[in-house]
Structures are given as C-alpha cells and as structure tokens.
C-alpha atoms as a PDB file:
ATOM      1  CA  UNK A   1       9.400 -16.697  28.988  1.00  0.00           C
ATOM      2  CA  UNK A   2      10.087 -19.878  31.152  1.00  0.00           C
ATOM      3  CA  UNK A   3      13.366 -18.391  31.205  1.00  0.00           C
ATOM      4  CA  UNK A   4      12.265 -15.089  32.639  1.00  0.00           C
ATOM      5  CA  UNK A   5      10.307 -16.874  34.989  1.00  0.00           C
ATOM      6  CA  UNK A   6      13.483 -18.653  36.257  1.00  0.00           C
ATOM      7  CA  UNK A   7      14.821 -15.152  37.106  1.00  0.00           C
ATOM      8  CA  UNK A   8      11.777 -14.034  38.997  1.00  0.00           C
ATOM      9  CA  UNK A   9      11.998 -17.787  41.211  1.00  0.00           C
ATOM     10  CA  UNK A  10      15.574 -18.249  41.835  1.00  0.00           C
ATOM     11  CA  UNK A  11      17.176 -14.538  41.445  1.00  0.00           C
ATOM     12  CA  UNK A  12      18.991 -12.802  38.039  1.00  0.00           C
ATOM     13  CA  UNK A  13      22.028 -13.579  39.584  1.00  0.00           C
ATOM     14  CA  UNK A  14      21.639 -16.987  39.807  1.00  0.00           C
ATOM     15  CA  UNK A  15      20.363 -17.428  36.752  1.00  0.00           C
ATOM     16  CA  UNK A  16      22.998 -15.890  35.192  1.00  0.00           C
ATOM     17  CA  UNK A  17      25.492 -17.925  36.645  1.00  0.00           C
ATOM     18  CA  UNK A  18      23.183 -20.872  35.727  1.00  0.00           C
ATOM     19  CA  UNK A  19      23.384 -19.410  31.724  1.00  0.00           C
ATOM     20  CA  UNK A  20      27.850 -19.720  32.227  1.00  0.00           C
ATOM     21  CA  UNK A  21      27.136 -23.142  33.332  1.00  0.00           C
ATOM     22  CA  UNK A  22      25.101 -23.888  30.939  1.00  0.00           C
ATOM     23  CA  UNK A  23      27.220 -22.319  28.163  1.00  0.00           C
ATOM     24  CA  UNK A  24      30.344 -24.458  29.176  1.00  0.00           C
ATOM     25  CA  UNK A  25      28.374 -27.687  29.235  1.00  0.00           C
ATOM     26  CA  UNK A  26      26.289 -26.857  25.710  1.00  0.00           C
ATOM     27  CA  UNK A  27      23.581 -27.294  27.232  1.00  0.00           C
ATOM     28  CA  UNK A  28      20.765 -24.932  25.811  1.00  0.00           C
ATOM     29  CA  UNK A  29      17.270 -26.004  27.011  1.00  0.00           C
ATOM     30  CA  UNK A  30      15.020 -24.354  29.503  1.00  0.00           C
ATOM     31  CA  UNK A  31      15.336 -27.723  31.351  1.00  0.00           C
ATOM     32  CA  UNK A  32      18.889 -27.850  31.953  1.00  0.00           C
ATOM     33  CA  UNK A  33      18.877 -24.231  33.363  1.00  0.00           C
ATOM     34  CA  UNK A  34      16.046 -25.457  35.939  1.00  0.00           C
ATOM     35  CA  UNK A  35      17.963 -28.419  36.763  1.00  0.00           C
ATOM     36  CA  UNK A  36      21.587 -26.184  37.209  1.00  0.00           C
ATOM     37  CA  UNK A  37      19.246 -23.830  39.456  1.00  0.00           C
ATOM     38  CA  UNK A  38      17.496 -26.601  41.210  1.00  0.00           C
ATOM     39  CA  UNK A  39      20.015 -28.809  42.179  1.00  0.00           C
ATOM     40  CA  UNK A  40      22.181 -25.571  43.042  1.00  0.00           C
ATOM     41  CA  UNK A  41      24.899 -26.653  40.471  1.00  0.00           C
ATOM     42  CA  UNK A  42      25.137 -22.628  39.706  1.00  0.00           C
ATOM     43  CA  UNK A  43      26.904 -21.766  43.699  1.00  0.00           C
ATOM     44  CA  UNK A  44      28.948 -24.885  43.216  1.00  0.00           C
ATOM     45  CA  UNK A  45      32.919 -24.115  42.007  1.00  0.00           C
ATOM     46  CA  UNK A  46      33.686 -25.282  38.891  1.00  0.00           C
ATOM     47  CA  UNK A  47      36.712 -27.313  38.394  1.00  0.00           C
ATOM     48  CA  UNK A  48      39.656 -26.057  36.228  1.00  0.00           C
ATOM     49  CA  UNK A  49      40.165 -27.020  32.926  1.00  0.00           C
ATOM     50  CA  UNK A  50      43.629 -28.847  32.221  1.00  0.00           C
ATOM     51  CA  UNK A  51      45.069 -29.186  28.923  1.00  0.00           C
ATOM     52  CA  UNK A  52      47.553 -32.451  29.834  1.00  0.00           C
ATOM     53  CA  UNK A  53      46.780 -35.721  29.917  1.00  0.00           C
ATOM     54  CA  UNK A  54      43.940 -37.280  32.331  1.00  0.00           C
ATOM     55  CA  UNK A  55      46.783 -40.184  33.556  1.00  0.00           C
ATOM     56  CA  UNK A  56      50.513 -39.607  33.986  1.00  0.00           C
ATOM     57  CA  UNK A  57      52.040 -43.417  34.102  1.00  0.00           C
ATOM     58  CA  UNK A  58      55.446 -44.476  33.096  1.00  0.00           C
ATOM     59  CA  UNK A  59      53.960 -47.430  31.068  1.00  0.00           C
ATOM     60  CA  UNK A  60      51.322 -44.902  28.896  1.00  0.00           C
ATOM     61  CA  UNK A  61      53.147 -44.063  25.678  1.00  0.00           C
ATOM     62  CA  UNK A  62      52.544 -40.192  24.389  1.00  0.00           C
ATOM     63  CA  UNK A  63      52.252 -39.332  20.844  1.00  0.00           C
ATOM     64  CA  UNK A  64      55.957 -38.840  20.912  1.00  0.00           C
ATOM     65  CA  UNK A  65      56.367 -42.873  20.860  1.00  0.00           C
ATOM     66  CA  UNK A  66      54.748 -43.254  17.280  1.00  0.00           C
ATOM     67  CA  UNK A  67      56.916 -40.811  15.396  1.00  0.00           C
END
C-alpha cells in the first residue's frame, strides 16, 4: 500500500523509473524507493556500465601475466 501511495505523491511515471533504478541496485524496500524519489535519482541519467578494467595503466598486470 505504501508503494501505491508513492504513485499518488510522485506520479506513476516517476515511480516506474524509481523501480527500475531500485532493481538495478538490488534494493527492494519502500525506504529505498522513497529515497530515490525524494532525491530525484529517478530523473538523473544513469552511467553506462563498462565491462573493462576500472583502471588502465602500464604497471597493472592482467590475468594473462599470471599464465
């Protein structure tokens, strides 16, 4: 019932966006949804995920070095 009340307060479109964001971060609580909506995180652009290494530097050895 609390989640449905969020739709009345913030709107169904924003609630859908907040639910998508909550699923991405594996957070399924009312408090998380409310926080996402309250802080406007549902309106912010999400960063694209990268599968590459977080840091690229010549001194960092990859998996191939140890084989």
